[in-house]
Amino acid sequence: MAERYSSFTPGGTGWLLQRITAAFLVVVLAFHFFQLHFVTHAAEVTFAGTQARMENPGYFLAMVLFLITAAFHGVNGIYNALVNQGLSGTPKKVVLAILTLSGLALVAQGIYVAIVMAGGSIS
């Protein structure tokens, strides 16, 4: 019988983290849309406007935290969906390693792009 682990089982730590990350993502997106459309009345999204916002340390940090949270939420969700479908043993470990490495690569690339957009450079 395949080992069954699910972060979607109520009461587990994974379940709680999945819910917290989902709530964080929704709150950050809602704040972002509210600020963009009602506070600054942005009629269009331009690269220059995005670059100017990225120069604000608070906005930069929020976007990096959003990226890290989204990567964790997605990788954890995919992993648990596969485990719930019966993935176990060595393939489970390989899939976890691949998902972890791809999530870390996504976060590293996103942070690099955020730094460049904020006017910094990586030497």
PDB file of N, CA and C in Angstrom:
ATOM      1  N   MET A   1       0.851  -1.181   0.000  1.00  0.00           N
ATOM      2  CA  MET A   1       0.000   0.000   0.000  1.00  0.00           C
ATOM      3  C   MET A   1       0.893   1.240   0.000  1.00  0.00           C
ATOM      4  N   ALA A   2       0.540   2.208  -0.802  1.00  0.00           N
ATOM      5  CA  ALA A   2       1.318   3.439  -0.889  1.00  0.00           C
ATOM      6  C   ALA A   2       1.159   4.243   0.394  1.00  0.00           C
ATOM      7  N   GLU A   3       2.250   4.852   0.803  1.00  0.00           N
ATOM      8  CA  GLU A   3       2.213   5.714   1.982  1.00  0.00           C
ATOM      9  C   GLU A   3       1.354   6.928   1.657  1.00  0.00           C
ATOM     10  N   ARG A   4       0.473   7.278   2.553  1.00  0.00           N
ATOM     11  CA  ARG A   4      -0.413   8.420   2.312  1.00  0.00           C
ATOM     12  C   ARG A   4      -0.037   9.552   3.259  1.00  0.00           C
ATOM     13  N   TYR A   5       0.456  10.608   2.673  1.00  0.00           N
ATOM     14  CA  TYR A   5       0.715  11.829   3.435  1.00  0.00           C
ATOM     15  C   TYR A   5      -0.014  12.938   2.709  1.00  0.00           C
ATOM     16  N   SER A   6      -0.687  13.743   3.427  1.00  0.00           N
ATOM     17  CA  SER A   6      -1.369  14.849   2.781  1.00  0.00           C
ATOM     18  C   SER A   6      -1.314  16.073   3.670  1.00  0.00           C
ATOM     19  N   SER A   7      -0.898  17.175   3.079  1.00  0.00           N
ATOM     20  CA  SER A   7      -0.948  18.424   3.831  1.00  0.00           C
ATOM     21  C   SER A   7      -2.383  18.916   3.870  1.00  0.00           C
ATOM     22  N   PHE A   8      -3.256  18.221   3.177  1.00  0.00           N
ATOM     23  CA  PHE A   8      -4.644  18.620   3.143  1.00  0.00           C
ATOM     24  C   PHE A   8      -5.473  17.889   4.195  1.00  0.00           C
ATOM     25  N   THR A   9      -4.817  17.080   5.044  1.00  0.00           N
ATOM     26  CA  THR A   9      -5.504  16.430   6.147  1.00  0.00           C
ATOM     27  C   THR A   9      -5.603  17.445   7.290  1.00  0.00           C
ATOM     28  N   PRO A  10      -6.801  17.805   7.691  1.00  0.00           N
ATOM     29  CA  PRO A  10      -6.945  18.814   8.733  1.00  0.00           C
ATOM     30  C   PRO A  10      -6.169  18.458   9.994  1.00  0.00           C
ATOM     31  N   GLY A  11      -5.487  19.458  10.532  1.00  0.00           N
ATOM     32  CA  GLY A  11      -4.775  19.288  11.781  1.00  0.00           C
ATOM     33  C   GLY A  11      -3.281  19.107  11.628  1.00  0.00           C
ATOM     34  N   GLY A  12      -2.800  18.738  10.449  1.00  0.00           N
ATOM     35  CA  GLY A  12      -1.370  18.536  10.248  1.00  0.00           C
ATOM     36  C   GLY A  12      -0.636  19.852  10.068  1.00  0.00           C
ATOM     37  N   THR A  13       0.660  19.826  10.293  1.00  0.00           N
ATOM     38  CA  THR A  13       1.479  21.021  10.116  1.00  0.00           C
ATOM     39  C   THR A  13       1.467  21.469   8.665  1.00  0.00           C
ATOM     40  N   GLY A  14       1.579  20.514   7.748  1.00  0.00           N
ATOM     41  CA  GLY A  14       1.538  20.840   6.326  1.00  0.00           C
ATOM     42  C   GLY A  14       0.220  21.472   5.931  1.00  0.00           C
ATOM     43  N   TRP A  15      -0.858  20.961   6.505  1.00  0.00           N
ATOM     44  CA  TRP A  15      -2.184  21.509   6.235  1.00  0.00           C
ATOM     45  C   TRP A  15      -2.242  22.967   6.655  1.00  0.00           C
ATOM     46  N   LEU A  16      -1.715  23.245   7.850  1.00  0.00           N
ATOM     47  CA  LEU A  16      -1.724  24.607   8.369  1.00  0.00           C
ATOM     48  C   LEU A  16      -0.859  25.527   7.505  1.00  0.00           C
ATOM     49  N   LEU A  17       0.345  25.072   7.123  1.00  0.00           N
ATOM     50  CA  LEU A  17       1.217  25.898   6.283  1.00  0.00           C
ATOM     51  C   LEU A  17       0.589  26.177   4.925  1.00  0.00           C
ATOM     52  N   GLN A  18      -0.082  25.179   4.364  1.00  0.00           N
ATOM     53  CA  GLN A  18      -0.741  25.373   3.075  1.00  0.00           C
ATOM     54  C   GLN A  18      -1.829  26.435   3.186  1.00  0.00           C
ATOM     55  N   ARG A  19      -2.580  26.421   4.280  1.00  0.00           N
ATOM     56  CA  ARG A  19      -3.642  27.408   4.483  1.00  0.00           C
ATOM     57  C   ARG A  19      -3.068  28.795   4.754  1.00  0.00           C
ATOM     58  N   ILE A  20      -2.001  28.864   5.553  1.00  0.00           N
ATOM     59  CA  ILE A  20      -1.383  30.161   5.859  1.00  0.00           C
ATOM     60  C   ILE A  20      -0.809  30.786   4.594  1.00  0.00           C
ATOM     61  N   THR A  21      -0.105  29.986   3.786  1.00  0.00           N
ATOM     62  CA  THR A  21       0.474  30.540   2.557  1.00  0.00           C
ATOM     63  C   THR A  21      -0.616  30.985   1.592  1.00  0.00           C
ATOM     64  N   ALA A  22      -1.709  30.224   1.511  1.00  0.00           N
ATOM     65  CA  ALA A  22      -2.811  30.627   0.632  1.00  0.00           C
ATOM     66  C   ALA A  22      -3.409  31.955   1.096  1.00  0.00           C
ATOM     67  N   ALA A  23      -3.622  32.092   2.390  1.00  0.00           N
ATOM     68  CA  ALA A  23      -4.175  33.336   2.934  1.00  0.00           C
ATOM     69  C   ALA A  23      -3.225  34.505   2.696  1.00  0.00           C
ATOM     70  N   PHE A  24      -1.935  34.292   2.899  1.00  0.00           N
ATOM     71  CA  PHE A  24      -0.937  35.349   2.671  1.00  0.00           C
ATOM     72  C   PHE A  24      -0.961  35.794   1.214  1.00  0.00           C
ATOM     73  N   LEU A  25      -1.003  34.826   0.291  1.00  0.00           N
ATOM     74  CA  LEU A  25      -1.017  35.167  -1.136  1.00  0.00           C
ATOM     75  C   LEU A  25      -2.255  35.978  -1.501  1.00  0.00           C
ATOM     76  N   VAL A  26      -3.399  35.601  -0.968  1.00  0.00           N
ATOM     77  CA  VAL A  26      -4.635  36.321  -1.258  1.00  0.00           C
ATOM     78  C   VAL A  26      -4.580  37.737  -0.689  1.00  0.00           C
ATOM     79  N   VAL A  27      -4.091  37.886   0.528  1.00  0.00           N
ATOM     80  CA  VAL A  27      -4.016  39.215   1.152  1.00  0.00           C
ATOM     81  C   VAL A  27      -3.052  40.121   0.393  1.00  0.00           C
ATOM     82  N   VAL A  28      -1.882  39.604   0.013  1.00  0.00           N
ATOM     83  CA  VAL A  28      -0.904  40.429  -0.714  1.00  0.00           C
ATOM     84  C   VAL A  28      -1.458  40.823  -2.077  1.00  0.00           C
ATOM     85  N   LEU A  29      -2.082  39.883  -2.784  1.00  0.00           N
ATOM     86  CA  LEU A  29      -2.672  40.215  -4.083  1.00  0.00           C
ATOM     87  C   LEU A  29      -3.786  41.254  -3.937  1.00  0.00           C
ATOM     88  N   ALA A  30      -4.624  41.096  -2.934  1.00  0.00           N
ATOM     89  CA  ALA A  30      -5.715  42.051  -2.722  1.00  0.00           C
ATOM     90  C   ALA A  30      -5.164  43.439  -2.412  1.00  0.00           C
ATOM     91  N   PHE A  31      -4.154  43.517  -1.554  1.00  0.00           N
ATOM     92  CA  PHE A  31      -3.532  44.798  -1.230  1.00  0.00           C
ATOM     93  C   PHE A  31      -2.911  45.423  -2.474  1.00  0.00           C
ATOM     94  N   HIS A  32      -2.218  44.590  -3.252  1.00  0.00           N
ATOM     95  CA  HIS A  32      -1.560  45.074  -4.469  1.00  0.00           C
ATOM     96  C   HIS A  32      -2.592  45.659  -5.449  1.00  0.00           C
ATOM     97  N   PHE A  33      -3.674  44.921  -5.694  1.00  0.00           N
ATOM     98  CA  PHE A  33      -4.695  45.413  -6.622  1.00  0.00           C
ATOM     99  C   PHE A  33      -5.386  46.662  -6.084  1.00  0.00           C
ATOM    100  N   PHE A  34      -5.662  46.689  -4.782  1.00  0.00           N
ATOM    101  CA  PHE A  34      -6.281  47.874  -4.183  1.00  0.00           C
ATOM    102  C   PHE A  34      -5.392  49.089  -4.359  1.00  0.00           C
ATOM    103  N   GLN A  35      -4.114  48.936  -4.029  1.00  0.00           N
ATOM    104  CA  GLN A  35      -3.181  50.059  -4.137  1.00  0.00           C
ATOM    105  C   GLN A  35      -3.021  50.498  -5.588  1.00  0.00           C
ATOM    106  N   LEU A  36      -2.885  49.554  -6.488  1.00  0.00           N
ATOM    107  CA  LEU A  36      -2.637  49.877  -7.890  1.00  0.00           C
ATOM    108  C   LEU A  36      -3.842  50.557  -8.533  1.00  0.00           C
ATOM    109  N   HIS A  37      -5.041  50.088  -8.245  1.00  0.00           N
ATOM    110  CA  HIS A  37      -6.214  50.589  -8.958  1.00  0.00           C
ATOM    111  C   HIS A  37      -6.982  51.685  -8.245  1.00  0.00           C
ATOM    112  N   PHE A  38      -6.942  51.706  -6.922  1.00  0.00           N
ATOM    113  CA  PHE A  38      -7.740  52.696  -6.208  1.00  0.00           C
ATOM    114  C   PHE A  38      -6.902  53.806  -5.577  1.00  0.00           C
ATOM    115  N   VAL A  39      -5.685  53.509  -5.161  1.00  0.00           N
ATOM    116  CA  VAL A  39      -4.849  54.534  -4.529  1.00  0.00           C
ATOM    117  C   VAL A  39      -4.082  55.318  -5.583  1.00  0.00           C
ATOM    118  N   THR A  40      -3.418  54.610  -6.501  1.00  0.00           N
ATOM    119  CA  THR A  40      -2.620  55.308  -7.527  1.00  0.00           C
ATOM    120  C   THR A  40      -3.395  55.496  -8.822  1.00  0.00           C
ATOM    121  N   HIS A  41      -4.559  54.886  -8.952  1.00  0.00           N
ATOM    122  CA  HIS A  41      -5.408  54.995 -10.143  1.00  0.00           C
ATOM    123  C   HIS A  41      -4.627  54.692 -11.425  1.00  0.00           C
ATOM    124  N   ALA A  42      -3.855  53.623 -11.382  1.00  0.00           N
ATOM    125  CA  ALA A  42      -3.064  53.247 -12.554  1.00  0.00           C
ATOM    126  C   ALA A  42      -3.996  52.724 -13.646  1.00  0.00           C
ATOM    127  N   ALA A  43      -4.016  53.422 -14.762  1.00  0.00           N
ATOM    128  CA  ALA A  43      -4.854  53.001 -15.878  1.00  0.00           C
ATOM    129  C   ALA A  43      -4.185  51.884 -16.663  1.00  0.00           C
ATOM    130  N   GLU A  44      -2.884  51.845 -16.608  1.00  0.00           N
ATOM    131  CA  GLU A  44      -2.145  50.806 -17.314  1.00  0.00           C
ATOM    132  C   GLU A  44      -0.899  50.441 -16.521  1.00  0.00           C
ATOM    133  N   VAL A  45      -0.417  49.268 -16.748  1.00  0.00           N
ATOM    134  CA  VAL A  45       0.796  48.819 -16.084  1.00  0.00           C
ATOM    135  C   VAL A  45       1.946  48.980 -17.066  1.00  0.00           C
ATOM    136  N   THR A  46       2.935  49.741 -16.658  1.00  0.00           N
ATOM    137  CA  THR A  46       4.094  49.963 -17.529  1.00  0.00           C
ATOM    138  C   THR A  46       5.352  49.441 -16.846  1.00  0.00           C
ATOM    139  N   PHE A  47       6.353  49.147 -17.638  1.00  0.00           N
ATOM    140  CA  PHE A  47       7.613  48.684 -17.083  1.00  0.00           C
ATOM    141  C   PHE A  47       8.227  49.758 -16.191  1.00  0.00           C
ATOM    142  N   ALA A  48       8.152  51.023 -16.633  1.00  0.00           N
ATOM    143  CA  ALA A  48       8.731  52.117 -15.845  1.00  0.00           C
ATOM    144  C   ALA A  48       8.036  52.240 -14.491  1.00  0.00           C
ATOM    145  N   GLY A  49       6.715  52.085 -14.471  1.00  0.00           N
ATOM    146  CA  GLY A  49       5.983  52.156 -13.214  1.00  0.00           C
ATOM    147  C   GLY A  49       6.337  51.010 -12.286  1.00  0.00           C
ATOM    148  N   THR A  50       6.460  49.815 -12.854  1.00  0.00           N
ATOM    149  CA  THR A  50       6.846  48.655 -12.056  1.00  0.00           C
ATOM    150  C   THR A  50       8.254  48.829 -11.515  1.00  0.00           C
ATOM    151  N   GLN A  51       9.153  49.329 -12.343  1.00  0.00           N
ATOM    152  CA  GLN A  51      10.529  49.538 -11.905  1.00  0.00           C
ATOM    153  C   GLN A  51      10.581  50.585 -10.790  1.00  0.00           C
ATOM    154  N   ALA A  52       9.795  51.617 -10.895  1.00  0.00           N
ATOM    155  CA  ALA A  52       9.772  52.650  -9.851  1.00  0.00           C
ATOM    156  C   ALA A  52       9.256  52.078  -8.533  1.00  0.00           C
ATOM    157  N   ARG A  53       8.219  51.225  -8.604  1.00  0.00           N
ATOM    158  CA  ARG A  53       7.709  50.607  -7.378  1.00  0.00           C
ATOM    159  C   ARG A  53       8.737  49.664  -6.769  1.00  0.00           C
ATOM    160  N   MET A  54       9.494  48.951  -7.595  1.00  0.00           N
ATOM    161  CA  MET A  54      10.480  47.997  -7.086  1.00  0.00           C
ATOM    162  C   MET A  54      11.621  48.694  -6.354  1.00  0.00           C
ATOM    163  N   GLU A  55      11.822  49.991  -6.602  1.00  0.00           N
ATOM    164  CA  GLU A  55      12.870  50.739  -5.899  1.00  0.00           C
ATOM    165  C   GLU A  55      12.473  51.035  -4.454  1.00  0.00           C
ATOM    166  N   ASN A  56      11.194  50.892  -4.128  1.00  0.00           N
ATOM    167  CA  ASN A  56      10.717  51.067  -2.763  1.00  0.00           C
ATOM    168  C   ASN A  56      11.052  49.796  -1.984  1.00  0.00           C
ATOM    169  N   PRO A  57      11.857  49.891  -0.910  1.00  0.00           N
ATOM    170  CA  PRO A  57      12.265  48.686  -0.172  1.00  0.00           C
ATOM    171  C   PRO A  57      11.104  47.855   0.365  1.00  0.00           C
ATOM    172  N   GLY A  58      10.036  48.503   0.812  1.00  0.00           N
ATOM    173  CA  GLY A  58       8.884  47.768   1.318  1.00  0.00           C
ATOM    174  C   GLY A  58       8.198  46.968   0.224  1.00  0.00           C
ATOM    175  N   TYR A  59       8.024  47.582  -0.927  1.00  0.00           N
ATOM    176  CA  TYR A  59       7.399  46.893  -2.053  1.00  0.00           C
ATOM    177  C   TYR A  59       8.290  45.750  -2.526  1.00  0.00           C
ATOM    178  N   PHE A  60       9.593  46.010  -2.591  1.00  0.00           N
ATOM    179  CA  PHE A  60      10.560  44.987  -3.008  1.00  0.00           C
ATOM    180  C   PHE A  60      10.491  43.779  -2.074  1.00  0.00           C
ATOM    181  N   LEU A  61      10.509  44.031  -0.776  1.00  0.00           N
ATOM    182  CA  LEU A  61      10.454  42.945   0.199  1.00  0.00           C
ATOM    183  C   LEU A  61       9.134  42.175   0.104  1.00  0.00           C
ATOM    184  N   ALA A  62       8.035  42.899  -0.081  1.00  0.00           N
ATOM    185  CA  ALA A  62       6.728  42.237  -0.210  1.00  0.00           C
ATOM    186  C   ALA A  62       6.698  41.327  -1.437  1.00  0.00           C
ATOM    187  N   MET A  63       7.272  41.783  -2.533  1.00  0.00           N
ATOM    188  CA  MET A  63       7.271  40.965  -3.747  1.00  0.00           C
ATOM    189  C   MET A  63       8.177  39.738  -3.608  1.00  0.00           C
ATOM    190  N   VAL A  64       9.306  39.889  -2.933  1.00  0.00           N
ATOM    191  CA  VAL A  64      10.188  38.736  -2.705  1.00  0.00           C
ATOM    192  C   VAL A  64       9.513  37.729  -1.776  1.00  0.00           C
ATOM    193  N   LEU A  65       8.881  38.206  -0.709  1.00  0.00           N
ATOM    194  CA  LEU A  65       8.147  37.301   0.186  1.00  0.00           C
ATOM    195  C   LEU A  65       6.985  36.624  -0.539  1.00  0.00           C
ATOM    196  N   PHE A  66       6.326  37.364  -1.414  1.00  0.00           N
ATOM    197  CA  PHE A  66       5.244  36.797  -2.214  1.00  0.00           C
ATOM    198  C   PHE A  66       5.785  35.679  -3.107  1.00  0.00           C
ATOM    199  N   LEU A  67       6.912  35.925  -3.729  1.00  0.00           N
ATOM    200  CA  LEU A  67       7.522  34.919  -4.608  1.00  0.00           C
ATOM    201  C   LEU A  67       7.893  33.657  -3.835  1.00  0.00           C
ATOM    202  N   ILE A  68       8.519  33.814  -2.681  1.00  0.00           N
ATOM    203  CA  ILE A  68       8.918  32.664  -1.866  1.00  0.00           C
ATOM    204  C   ILE A  68       7.680  31.886  -1.401  1.00  0.00           C
ATOM    205  N   THR A  69       6.667  32.613  -0.959  1.00  0.00           N
ATOM    206  CA  THR A  69       5.440  31.966  -0.490  1.00  0.00           C
ATOM    207  C   THR A  69       4.734  31.232  -1.620  1.00  0.00           C
ATOM    208  N   ALA A  70       4.655  31.860  -2.787  1.00  0.00           N
ATOM    209  CA  ALA A  70       4.001  31.226  -3.939  1.00  0.00           C
ATOM    210  C   ALA A  70       4.749  29.976  -4.376  1.00  0.00           C
ATOM    211  N   ALA A  71       6.080  30.035  -4.360  1.00  0.00           N
ATOM    212  CA  ALA A  71       6.874  28.863  -4.743  1.00  0.00           C
ATOM    213  C   ALA A  71       6.642  27.719  -3.761  1.00  0.00           C
ATOM    214  N   PHE A  72       6.667  28.012  -2.462  1.00  0.00           N
ATOM    215  CA  PHE A  72       6.416  26.972  -1.464  1.00  0.00           C
ATOM    216  C   PHE A  72       5.018  26.392  -1.622  1.00  0.00           C
ATOM    217  N   HIS A  73       4.037  27.259  -1.765  1.00  0.00           N
ATOM    218  CA  HIS A  73       2.642  26.823  -1.871  1.00  0.00           C
ATOM    219  C   HIS A  73       2.454  25.917  -3.091  1.00  0.00           C
ATOM    220  N   GLY A  74       3.041  26.304  -4.219  1.00  0.00           N
ATOM    221  CA  GLY A  74       2.906  25.509  -5.438  1.00  0.00           C
ATOM    222  C   GLY A  74       3.625  24.178  -5.365  1.00  0.00           C
ATOM    223  N   VAL A  75       4.876  24.194  -4.906  1.00  0.00           N
ATOM    224  CA  VAL A  75       5.654  22.955  -4.813  1.00  0.00           C
ATOM    225  C   VAL A  75       5.013  21.997  -3.807  1.00  0.00           C
ATOM    226  N   ASN A  76       4.592  22.505  -2.671  1.00  0.00           N
ATOM    227  CA  ASN A  76       3.944  21.666  -1.667  1.00  0.00           C
ATOM    228  C   ASN A  76       2.638  21.086  -2.196  1.00  0.00           C
ATOM    229  N   GLY A  77       1.879  21.886  -2.919  1.00  0.00           N
ATOM    230  CA  GLY A  77       0.619  21.411  -3.477  1.00  0.00           C
ATOM    231  C   GLY A  77       0.817  20.324  -4.527  1.00  0.00           C
ATOM    232  N   ILE A  78       1.783  20.516  -5.428  1.00  0.00           N
ATOM    233  CA  ILE A  78       2.064  19.503  -6.457  1.00  0.00           C
ATOM    234  C   ILE A  78       2.553  18.215  -5.810  1.00  0.00           C
ATOM    235  N   TYR A  79       3.460  18.332  -4.856  1.00  0.00           N
ATOM    236  CA  TYR A  79       4.012  17.153  -4.182  1.00  0.00           C
ATOM    237  C   TYR A  79       2.905  16.347  -3.500  1.00  0.00           C
ATOM    238  N   ASN A  80       2.051  17.034  -2.771  1.00  0.00           N
ATOM    239  CA  ASN A  80       0.980  16.335  -2.058  1.00  0.00           C
ATOM    240  C   ASN A  80      -0.049  15.728  -3.000  1.00  0.00           C
ATOM    241  N   ALA A  81      -0.308  16.394  -4.109  1.00  0.00           N
ATOM    242  CA  ALA A  81      -1.231  15.823  -5.093  1.00  0.00           C
ATOM    243  C   ALA A  81      -0.662  14.517  -5.652  1.00  0.00           C
ATOM    244  N   LEU A  82       0.638  14.502  -5.938  1.00  0.00           N
ATOM    245  CA  LEU A  82       1.261  13.287  -6.460  1.00  0.00           C
ATOM    246  C   LEU A  82       1.296  12.172  -5.418  1.00  0.00           C
ATOM    247  N   VAL A  83       1.602  12.511  -4.173  1.00  0.00           N
ATOM    248  CA  VAL A  83       1.620  11.512  -3.102  1.00  0.00           C
ATOM    249  C   VAL A  83       0.216  10.945  -2.896  1.00  0.00           C
ATOM    250  N   ASN A  84      -0.778  11.793  -2.959  1.00  0.00           N
ATOM    251  CA  ASN A  84      -2.158  11.325  -2.790  1.00  0.00           C
ATOM    252  C   ASN A  84      -2.607  10.432  -3.940  1.00  0.00           C
ATOM    253  N   GLN A  85      -1.925  10.521  -5.076  1.00  0.00           N
ATOM    254  CA  GLN A  85      -2.235   9.652  -6.204  1.00  0.00           C
ATOM    255  C   GLN A  85      -1.486   8.327  -6.127  1.00  0.00           C
ATOM    256  N   GLY A  86      -0.675   8.149  -5.083  1.00  0.00           N
ATOM    257  CA  GLY A  86      -0.014   6.868  -4.864  1.00  0.00           C
ATOM    258  C   GLY A  86       1.483   6.872  -5.070  1.00  0.00           C
ATOM    259  N   LEU A  87       2.096   8.015  -5.281  1.00  0.00           N
ATOM    260  CA  LEU A  87       3.551   8.082  -5.446  1.00  0.00           C
ATOM    261  C   LEU A  87       4.225   7.713  -4.129  1.00  0.00           C
ATOM    262  N   SER A  88       5.180   6.767  -4.181  1.00  0.00           N
ATOM    263  CA  SER A  88       5.862   6.356  -2.954  1.00  0.00           C
ATOM    264  C   SER A  88       7.237   5.822  -3.292  1.00  0.00           C
ATOM    265  N   GLY A  89       8.025   5.559  -2.253  1.00  0.00           N
ATOM    266  CA  GLY A  89       9.346   4.963  -2.422  1.00  0.00           C
ATOM    267  C   GLY A  89      10.342   5.910  -3.061  1.00  0.00           C
ATOM    268  N   THR A  90      11.233   5.321  -3.873  1.00  0.00           N
ATOM    269  CA  THR A  90      12.291   6.099  -4.519  1.00  0.00           C
ATOM    270  C   THR A  90      11.740   7.170  -5.456  1.00  0.00           C
ATOM    271  N   PRO A  91      10.724   6.873  -6.289  1.00  0.00           N
ATOM    272  CA  PRO A  91      10.193   7.944  -7.140  1.00  0.00           C
ATOM    273  C   PRO A  91       9.698   9.151  -6.337  1.00  0.00           C
ATOM    274  N   LYS A  92       9.166   8.896  -5.153  1.00  0.00           N
ATOM    275  CA  LYS A  92       8.691   9.987  -4.305  1.00  0.00           C
ATOM    276  C   LYS A  92       9.857  10.887  -3.904  1.00  0.00           C
ATOM    277  N   LYS A  93      10.983  10.278  -3.535  1.00  0.00           N
ATOM    278  CA  LYS A  93      12.168  11.058  -3.138  1.00  0.00           C
ATOM    279  C   LYS A  93      12.733  11.842  -4.311  1.00  0.00           C
ATOM    280  N   VAL A  94      12.732  11.217  -5.500  1.00  0.00           N
ATOM    281  CA  VAL A  94      13.245  11.889  -6.702  1.00  0.00           C
ATOM    282  C   VAL A  94      12.353  13.075  -7.055  1.00  0.00           C
ATOM    283  N   VAL A  95      11.041  12.866  -7.016  1.00  0.00           N
ATOM    284  CA  VAL A  95      10.109  13.947  -7.330  1.00  0.00           C
ATOM    285  C   VAL A  95      10.255  15.078  -6.321  1.00  0.00           C
ATOM    286  N   LEU A  96      10.396  14.750  -5.047  1.00  0.00           N
ATOM    287  CA  LEU A  96      10.580  15.781  -4.027  1.00  0.00           C
ATOM    288  C   LEU A  96      11.854  16.577  -4.286  1.00  0.00           C
ATOM    289  N   ALA A  97      12.936  15.885  -4.644  1.00  0.00           N
ATOM    290  CA  ALA A  97      14.205  16.577  -4.936  1.00  0.00           C
ATOM    291  C   ALA A  97      14.057  17.489  -6.149  1.00  0.00           C
ATOM    292  N   ILE A  98      13.406  16.994  -7.199  1.00  0.00           N
ATOM    293  CA  ILE A  98      13.215  17.805  -8.406  1.00  0.00           C
ATOM    294  C   ILE A  98      12.356  19.026  -8.117  1.00  0.00           C
ATOM    295  N   LEU A  99      11.260  18.826  -7.393  1.00  0.00           N
ATOM    296  CA  LEU A  99      10.384  19.952  -7.054  1.00  0.00           C
ATOM    297  C   LEU A  99      11.094  20.971  -6.166  1.00  0.00           C
ATOM    298  N   THR A 100      11.862  20.481  -5.211  1.00  0.00           N
ATOM    299  CA  THR A 100      12.593  21.390  -4.316  1.00  0.00           C
ATOM    300  C   THR A 100      13.616  22.213  -5.093  1.00  0.00           C
ATOM    301  N   LEU A 101      14.398  21.540  -5.939  1.00  0.00           N
ATOM    302  CA  LEU A 101      15.413  22.250  -6.728  1.00  0.00           C
ATOM    303  C   LEU A 101      14.775  23.237  -7.701  1.00  0.00           C
ATOM    304  N   SER A 102      13.685  22.833  -8.334  1.00  0.00           N
ATOM    305  CA  SER A 102      13.033  23.752  -9.271  1.00  0.00           C
ATOM    306  C   SER A 102      12.411  24.936  -8.530  1.00  0.00           C
ATOM    307  N   GLY A 103      11.863  24.710  -7.337  1.00  0.00           N
ATOM    308  CA  GLY A 103      11.331  25.806  -6.536  1.00  0.00           C
ATOM    309  C   GLY A 103      12.415  26.785  -6.109  1.00  0.00           C
ATOM    310  N   LEU A 104      13.570  26.247  -5.690  1.00  0.00           N
ATOM    311  CA  LEU A 104      14.695  27.112  -5.310  1.00  0.00           C
ATOM    312  C   LEU A 104      15.235  27.889  -6.504  1.00  0.00           C
ATOM    313  N   ALA A 105      15.290  27.239  -7.668  1.00  0.00           N
ATOM    314  CA  ALA A 105      15.746  27.924  -8.880  1.00  0.00           C
ATOM    315  C   ALA A 105      14.781  29.047  -9.258  1.00  0.00           C
ATOM    316  N   LEU A 106      13.486  28.786  -9.135  1.00  0.00           N
ATOM    317  CA  LEU A 106      12.477  29.803  -9.430  1.00  0.00           C
ATOM    318  C   LEU A 106      12.620  30.996  -8.492  1.00  0.00           C
ATOM    319  N   VAL A 107      12.819  30.733  -7.219  1.00  0.00           N
ATOM    320  CA  VAL A 107      12.988  31.816  -6.246  1.00  0.00           C
ATOM    321  C   VAL A 107      14.264  32.607  -6.528  1.00  0.00           C
ATOM    322  N   ALA A 108      15.361  31.919  -6.816  1.00  0.00           N
ATOM    323  CA  ALA A 108      16.623  32.605  -7.111  1.00  0.00           C
ATOM    324  C   ALA A 108      16.491  33.486  -8.350  1.00  0.00           C
ATOM    325  N   GLN A 109      15.868  32.958  -9.399  1.00  0.00           N
ATOM    326  CA  GLN A 109      15.670  33.746 -10.619  1.00  0.00           C
ATOM    327  C   GLN A 109      14.761  34.941 -10.351  1.00  0.00           C
ATOM    328  N   GLY A 110      13.708  34.734  -9.577  1.00  0.00           N
ATOM    329  CA  GLY A 110      12.798  35.832  -9.250  1.00  0.00           C
ATOM    330  C   GLY A 110      13.468  36.923  -8.439  1.00  0.00           C
ATOM    331  N   ILE A 111      14.297  36.537  -7.477  1.00  0.00           N
ATOM    332  CA  ILE A 111      15.017  37.535  -6.672  1.00  0.00           C
ATOM    333  C   ILE A 111      16.016  38.291  -7.545  1.00  0.00           C
ATOM    334  N   TYR A 112      16.675  37.584  -8.443  1.00  0.00           N
ATOM    335  CA  TYR A 112      17.611  38.234  -9.374  1.00  0.00           C
ATOM    336  C   TYR A 112      16.880  39.282 -10.219  1.00  0.00           C
ATOM    337  N   VAL A 113      15.749  38.910 -10.793  1.00  0.00           N
ATOM    338  CA  VAL A 113      14.976  39.843 -11.617  1.00  0.00           C
ATOM    339  C   VAL A 113      14.500  41.030 -10.777  1.00  0.00           C
ATOM    340  N   ALA A 114      14.072  40.774  -9.541  1.00  0.00           N
ATOM    341  CA  ALA A 114      13.615  41.857  -8.671  1.00  0.00           C
ATOM    342  C   ALA A 114      14.756  42.824  -8.359  1.00  0.00           C
ATOM    343  N   ILE A 115      15.947  42.297  -8.122  1.00  0.00           N
ATOM    344  CA  ILE A 115      17.104  43.169  -7.844  1.00  0.00           C
ATOM    345  C   ILE A 115      17.446  44.003  -9.053  1.00  0.00           C
ATOM    346  N   VAL A 116      17.443  43.393 -10.224  1.00  0.00           N
ATOM    347  CA  VAL A 116      17.744  44.140 -11.454  1.00  0.00           C
ATOM    348  C   VAL A 116      16.683  45.197 -11.716  1.00  0.00           C
ATOM    349  N   MET A 117      15.402  44.856 -11.490  1.00  0.00           N
ATOM    350  CA  MET A 117      14.338  45.839 -11.701  1.00  0.00           C
ATOM    351  C   MET A 117      14.411  46.989 -10.711  1.00  0.00           C
ATOM    352  N   ALA A 118      14.956  46.715  -9.538  1.00  0.00           N
ATOM    353  CA  ALA A 118      15.076  47.765  -8.532  1.00  0.00           C
ATOM    354  C   ALA A 118      16.287  48.668  -8.789  1.00  0.00           C
ATOM    355  N   GLY A 119      17.008  48.376  -9.864  1.00  0.00           N
ATOM    356  CA  GLY A 119      18.141  49.218 -10.224  1.00  0.00           C
ATOM    357  C   GLY A 119      19.465  48.702  -9.700  1.00  0.00           C
ATOM    358  N   GLY A 120      19.458  47.540  -9.062  1.00  0.00           N
ATOM    359  CA  GLY A 120      20.703  46.967  -8.555  1.00  0.00           C
ATOM    360  C   GLY A 120      21.370  46.124  -9.616  1.00  0.00           C
ATOM    361  N   SER A 121      22.488  45.561  -9.263  1.00  0.00           N
ATOM    362  CA  SER A 121      23.175  44.664 -10.194  1.00  0.00           C
ATOM    363  C   SER A 121      23.789  43.526  -9.397  1.00  0.00           C
ATOM    364  N   ILE A 122      23.934  42.413 -10.050  1.00  0.00           N
ATOM    365  CA  ILE A 122      24.564  41.239  -9.463  1.00  0.00           C
ATOM    366  C   ILE A 122      25.889  41.052 -10.174  1.00  0.00           C
ATOM    367  N   SER A 123      26.968  41.130  -9.418  1.00  0.00           N
ATOM    368  CA  SER A 123      28.296  40.982 -10.041  1.00  0.00           C
ATOM    369  C   SER A 123      28.744  39.548 -10.000  1.00  0.00           C
TER     370      SER A 123
END
